[in-house]
């Protein structure tokens, strides 16, 4: 049996994704981090960015995550986000409009949120 870790991606308002994975990549205040089974225990602060989950069945789950915490111990990874959306839940046209509006209003935080949503959908970082 291949090594795996149990992943829980939770937003303030709901459980976003739960399952088994072989790799999770997330953006923290210290930079991007990859967590695989057997990783050293960690606790970190999430920054806005896409989270990529490589599932044990070979699929890839991508979510736009905005703030929160990441913790890992005993092959259990928890991503506790302020806001999180799976890529397939994101309306691309709405995110593009939000990005343009944020640029026009010079709202850096809103611009970053819209940009992260588009990164999650397109895979472009």
Protein backbone atom coordinates (compact mmCIF):
# COMPACT_ATOMS: atom_id res chain seq x y z
CA UNK A 1 0.00 0.00 0.00
CA UNK A 2 1.35 3.42 -0.94
CA UNK A 3 2.03 5.97 1.77
CA UNK A 4 -0.78 8.46 2.19
CA UNK A 5 -1.92 11.25 4.44
CA UNK A 6 -5.38 12.25 5.51
CA UNK A 7 -6.29 15.80 4.47
CA UNK A 8 -9.03 18.05 5.83
CA UNK A 9 -9.57 21.40 4.08
CA UNK A 10 -12.01 23.42 6.16
CA UNK A 11 -13.26 26.99 5.67
CA UNK A 12 -14.87 29.09 8.37
CA UNK A 13 -18.33 28.22 7.02
CA UNK A 14 -17.96 24.60 5.80
CA UNK A 15 -15.89 21.51 5.20
CA UNK A 16 -14.46 22.02 1.68
CA UNK A 17 -12.63 18.74 0.98
CA UNK A 18 -11.60 15.66 2.90
CA UNK A 19 -9.74 12.59 1.72
CA UNK A 20 -6.50 10.73 1.26
CA UNK A 21 -3.56 12.26 -0.58
CA UNK A 22 0.07 11.65 -1.47
CA UNK A 23 1.09 15.33 -1.67
CA UNK A 24 -0.31 18.73 -0.67
CA UNK A 25 1.24 22.03 -1.76
CA UNK A 26 0.22 25.22 0.04
CA UNK A 27 1.48 28.79 0.39
CA UNK A 28 2.57 29.84 3.88
CA UNK A 29 4.12 33.01 5.26
CA UNK A 30 7.48 31.18 4.92
CA UNK A 31 6.86 30.31 1.25
CA UNK A 32 5.34 27.37 -0.60
CA UNK A 33 5.47 24.06 1.24
CA UNK A 34 4.92 20.51 0.06
CA UNK A 35 3.70 17.96 2.57
CA UNK A 36 3.99 14.24 1.94
CA UNK A 37 3.38 11.25 4.22
CA UNK A 38 6.01 11.12 6.94
CA UNK A 39 6.67 14.88 6.90
CA UNK A 40 7.93 16.42 10.11
CA UNK A 41 5.15 17.90 12.28
CA UNK A 42 4.43 21.50 11.37
CA UNK A 43 2.24 24.44 12.20
CA UNK A 44 2.14 27.42 9.87
CA UNK A 45 0.14 30.42 8.76
CA UNK A 46 -1.49 30.15 5.34
CA UNK A 47 -1.27 33.02 2.91
CA UNK A 48 -3.69 33.56 0.07
CA UNK A 49 -2.83 31.16 -2.70
CA UNK A 50 -3.85 28.00 -4.45
CA UNK A 51 -3.65 24.73 -2.53
CA UNK A 52 -2.94 21.66 -4.67
CA UNK A 53 -3.88 18.20 -3.39
CA UNK A 54 -2.62 15.10 -5.23
CA UNK A 55 -5.11 12.40 -4.26
CA UNK A 56 -4.26 8.73 -3.82
CA UNK A 57 -6.38 7.84 -6.86
CA UNK A 58 -4.21 10.02 -9.12
CA UNK A 59 -6.51 13.04 -9.32
CA UNK A 60 -5.61 16.62 -8.47
CA UNK A 61 -7.82 18.88 -6.36
CA UNK A 62 -7.09 22.62 -6.41
CA UNK A 63 -8.61 25.20 -4.09
CA UNK A 64 -8.27 28.95 -3.69
CA UNK A 65 -7.43 29.55 -0.03
CA UNK A 66 -7.38 32.92 1.72
CA UNK A 67 -5.67 32.99 5.11
CA UNK A 68 -5.77 30.51 7.93
CA UNK A 69 -3.52 27.82 9.36
CA UNK A 70 -1.87 24.57 8.29
CA UNK A 71 -0.96 21.81 10.72
CA UNK A 72 0.49 18.35 10.19
CA UNK A 73 1.17 15.48 12.59
CA UNK A 74 0.84 11.70 12.41
CA UNK A 75 0.05 11.77 8.66
CA UNK A 76 -2.96 14.05 9.26
CA UNK A 77 -2.94 17.43 7.51
CA UNK A 78 -5.40 20.14 8.48
CA UNK A 79 -5.87 23.29 6.43
CA UNK A 80 -8.08 25.67 8.39
CA UNK A 81 -8.88 28.56 6.06
CA UNK A 82 -10.75 31.81 6.51
CA UNK A 83 -12.13 31.33 2.98
CA UNK A 84 -11.65 28.36 0.63
CA UNK A 85 -13.22 27.45 -2.71
CA UNK A 86 -12.57 24.44 -4.90
CA UNK A 87 -11.47 25.40 -8.41
CA UNK A 88 -14.57 23.82 -9.95
CA UNK A 89 -16.79 26.03 -7.75
CA UNK A 90 -15.25 29.27 -9.05
CA UNK A 91 -17.09 31.32 -11.66
CA UNK A 92 -14.24 32.51 -13.90
CA UNK A 93 -16.13 35.45 -15.41
CA UNK A 94 -17.15 36.68 -11.95
CA UNK A 95 -13.56 36.37 -10.70
CA UNK A 96 -12.29 38.30 -13.74
CA UNK A 97 -14.83 41.07 -13.08
CA UNK A 98 -13.80 41.18 -9.41
CA UNK A 99 -10.14 41.46 -10.44
CA UNK A 100 -10.86 44.37 -12.79
CA UNK A 101 -12.98 46.12 -10.15
CA UNK A 102 -10.25 45.67 -7.51
CA UNK A 103 -7.63 47.10 -9.88
CA UNK A 104 -9.84 50.08 -10.69
CA UNK A 105 -10.41 50.74 -6.99
CA UNK A 106 -6.74 50.12 -6.10
CA UNK A 107 -7.86 47.53 -3.53
CA UNK A 108 -4.78 45.32 -3.16
CA UNK A 109 -6.44 42.77 -0.87
CA UNK A 110 -9.43 42.29 -3.19
CA UNK A 111 -7.08 42.11 -6.17
CA UNK A 112 -5.07 39.34 -4.47
CA UNK A 113 -8.24 37.35 -3.63
CA UNK A 114 -9.50 37.56 -7.23
CA UNK A 115 -6.04 36.70 -8.58
CA UNK A 116 -5.81 33.61 -6.35
CA UNK A 117 -9.25 32.45 -7.47
CA UNK A 118 -8.14 32.71 -11.11
CA UNK A 119 -4.84 30.92 -10.33
CA UNK A 120 -6.78 28.03 -8.79
CA UNK A 121 -8.89 27.64 -11.93
CA UNK A 122 -6.15 28.15 -14.54
CA UNK A 123 -3.23 26.56 -12.69
CA UNK A 124 -1.06 29.56 -13.59
CA UNK A 125 0.95 30.94 -10.65
